[in-house]
Amino acid sequence: MALRSMVLGALILELLTAAVLLLSQIAQAKEFLVGEKMCWTIPPGGAATYASWASNITFVVGDTLDYYYVSTLPNNCAKGQKLAIRVAATASSGVISPAQAPSAAHAEAPALPAELEPQEKISSASSFAATFHLIFSSVATSFLCQF
């Protein structure tokens, strides 16, 4: 009975530790929805739409950005579905100008061979879900190793 209480106590302690770690990660993170209500679509206002959205947000050196972008649709960049991110050297310094877009002659990449073309949409787990999975797996493994 004492062994069972110790195992249960260890499991509860590990779960509480995992919860604290997850909550601290959530508290530090800030999520941006590109384009806000319009989301990530081909904007009706062209490239100026995302440039306007990005002009209100400045990241600083040291910020961490998680982003995933996969598109199999041709000419999305030419239709304005591209984003410029402004990065300042420090929080109080001026903004570093974004790189210029490539000229129209270089706007399109060569087509992929048929065997490399994506066959379906790819989705990615958020860093929160990945962290939760890692912590849950660790807790489950340590719990099972107690026996």
Protein backbone atom coordinates (compact mmCIF):
# COMPACT_ATOMS: atom_id res chain seq x y z
CA MET A 1 0.00 0.00 0.00
CA ALA A 2 2.87 2.37 0.80
CA LEU A 3 4.42 1.73 -2.63
CA ARG A 4 1.13 2.57 -4.30
CA SER A 5 0.88 5.86 -2.37
CA MET A 6 4.45 6.77 -3.34
CA VAL A 7 3.77 6.04 -7.01
CA LEU A 8 0.55 8.04 -6.92
CA GLY A 9 2.32 10.93 -5.18
CA ALA A 10 5.13 10.89 -7.77
CA LEU A 11 2.61 10.85 -10.61
CA ILE A 12 0.70 13.80 -9.15
CA LEU A 13 3.95 15.74 -8.68
CA GLU A 14 4.97 15.07 -12.29
CA LEU A 15 1.56 16.12 -13.59
CA LEU A 16 1.68 19.35 -11.58
CA THR A 17 5.19 20.05 -12.88
CA ALA A 18 4.01 19.44 -16.44
CA ALA A 19 1.05 21.79 -15.92
CA VAL A 20 3.30 24.55 -14.58
CA LEU A 21 5.68 24.15 -17.53
CA LEU A 22 2.82 24.29 -20.02
CA LEU A 23 1.25 27.34 -18.38
CA SER A 24 4.56 29.20 -18.31
CA GLN A 25 5.03 28.54 -22.03
CA ILE A 26 1.50 29.76 -22.78
CA ALA A 27 2.03 32.91 -20.71
CA GLN A 28 5.19 33.81 -22.65
CA ALA A 29 3.77 33.18 -26.10
CA LYS A 30 1.88 35.70 -28.20
CA GLU A 31 -0.03 34.54 -31.24
CA PHE A 32 -0.62 36.68 -34.31
CA LEU A 33 -3.30 35.82 -36.84
CA VAL A 34 -1.93 37.05 -40.16
CA GLY A 35 -4.44 39.35 -41.79
CA GLU A 36 -6.65 39.14 -38.69
CA LYS A 37 -10.28 38.53 -39.76
CA MET A 38 -9.30 38.04 -43.40
CA CYS A 39 -6.80 35.33 -42.38
CA TRP A 40 -4.26 34.01 -44.87
CA THR A 41 -6.02 34.40 -48.21
CA ILE A 42 -5.35 36.16 -51.47
CA PRO A 43 -6.21 39.70 -50.35
CA PRO A 44 -8.77 41.74 -52.28
CA GLY A 45 -6.53 44.81 -51.85
CA GLY A 46 -3.46 43.08 -53.26
CA ALA A 47 -0.04 43.12 -51.64
CA ALA A 48 -0.79 46.39 -49.81
CA THR A 49 -3.24 44.53 -47.54
CA TYR A 50 -0.60 42.41 -45.80
CA ALA A 51 1.94 45.26 -45.88
CA SER A 52 -0.59 47.40 -44.01
CA TRP A 53 -1.23 44.63 -41.47
CA ALA A 54 2.50 44.08 -40.91
CA SER A 55 3.17 47.82 -40.51
CA ASN A 56 1.45 47.72 -37.11
CA ILE A 57 3.60 44.87 -35.77
CA THR A 58 7.33 45.00 -35.05
CA PHE A 59 9.37 42.05 -33.87
CA VAL A 60 12.77 42.50 -32.24
CA VAL A 61 15.93 40.46 -32.54
CA GLY A 62 15.58 37.53 -30.18
CA ASP A 63 11.84 37.01 -30.74
CA THR A 64 10.93 33.52 -31.84
CA LEU A 65 8.51 33.00 -34.70
CA ASP A 66 6.91 29.68 -35.57
CA TYR A 67 5.42 29.67 -39.02
CA TYR A 68 4.46 27.12 -41.61
CA TYR A 69 3.74 28.01 -45.19
CA VAL A 70 3.02 25.49 -47.88
CA SER A 71 1.24 26.36 -51.09
CA THR A 72 0.81 24.39 -54.26
CA LEU A 73 -1.22 27.11 -55.94
CA PRO A 74 0.57 29.02 -58.70
CA ASN A 75 0.98 32.81 -58.68
CA ASN A 76 -0.16 33.41 -55.09
CA CYS A 77 2.77 35.78 -54.48
CA ALA A 78 1.98 37.68 -57.67
CA LYS A 79 -1.63 38.04 -56.44
CA GLY A 80 -0.45 39.62 -53.18
CA GLN A 81 -0.40 36.62 -50.83
CA LYS A 82 2.98 37.40 -49.30
CA LEU A 83 4.01 38.91 -46.02
CA ALA A 84 6.82 41.23 -44.96
CA ILE A 85 7.92 41.01 -41.35
CA ARG A 86 9.57 44.04 -39.76
CA VAL A 87 12.38 43.34 -37.31
CA ALA A 88 13.98 46.02 -35.13
CA ALA A 89 17.50 45.60 -33.74
CA THR A 90 16.18 46.29 -30.22
CA ALA A 91 12.83 47.18 -28.72
CA SER A 92 13.68 50.91 -28.71
CA SER A 93 15.50 51.17 -32.04
CA GLY A 94 14.08 52.02 -35.41
CA VAL A 95 12.67 49.47 -37.77
CA ILE A 96 14.88 47.67 -40.24
CA SER A 97 13.37 47.89 -43.70
CA PRO A 98 12.08 44.65 -45.21
CA ALA A 99 13.87 43.19 -48.19
CA GLN A 100 12.58 44.21 -51.59
CA ALA A 101 10.39 41.73 -53.43
CA PRO A 102 12.03 39.98 -56.38
CA SER A 103 11.39 41.40 -59.81
CA ALA A 104 8.57 39.94 -61.89
CA ALA A 105 11.10 38.06 -64.03
CA HIS A 106 12.19 36.07 -60.97
CA ALA A 107 8.83 35.84 -59.19
CA GLU A 108 8.04 32.28 -60.21
CA ALA A 109 10.09 29.30 -59.13
CA PRO A 110 10.63 26.47 -61.60
CA ALA A 111 7.99 23.75 -61.49
CA LEU A 112 8.70 20.70 -59.35
CA PRO A 113 9.03 17.30 -60.99
CA ALA A 114 5.78 15.35 -60.74
CA GLU A 115 7.16 12.95 -58.12
CA LEU A 116 7.97 15.87 -55.80
CA GLU A 117 4.60 17.62 -56.08
CA PRO A 118 2.67 17.54 -52.79
CA GLN A 119 -0.17 15.05 -52.91
CA GLU A 120 -2.21 16.47 -50.05
CA LYS A 121 -2.33 19.38 -47.67
CA ILE A 122 0.18 19.24 -44.86
CA SER A 123 -0.86 20.29 -41.39
CA SER A 124 1.49 20.94 -38.49
CA ALA A 125 0.87 20.55 -34.80
CA SER A 126 1.29 23.70 -32.80
CA SER A 127 4.26 23.99 -30.49
CA PHE A 128 1.81 23.78 -27.59
CA ALA A 129 0.47 20.42 -28.75
CA ALA A 130 3.99 19.13 -29.39
CA THR A 131 5.11 20.23 -25.92
CA PHE A 132 2.04 18.67 -24.32
CA HIS A 133 2.70 15.40 -26.15
CA LEU A 134 6.34 15.37 -25.04
CA ILE A 135 5.48 16.04 -21.40
CA PHE A 136 2.60 13.55 -21.39
CA SER A 137 4.85 10.88 -22.92
CA SER A 138 7.54 11.57 -20.30
CA VAL A 139 5.05 11.32 -17.45
CA ALA A 140 3.51 8.14 -18.84
CA THR A 141 6.92 6.56 -19.36
CA SER A 142 8.12 7.39 -15.85
CA PHE A 143 4.84 6.11 -14.42
CA LEU A 144 5.19 2.81 -16.26
CA CYS A 145 8.84 2.49 -15.21
CA GLN A 146 7.75 2.54 -11.55
CA PHE A 147 6.39 -1.00 -11.90
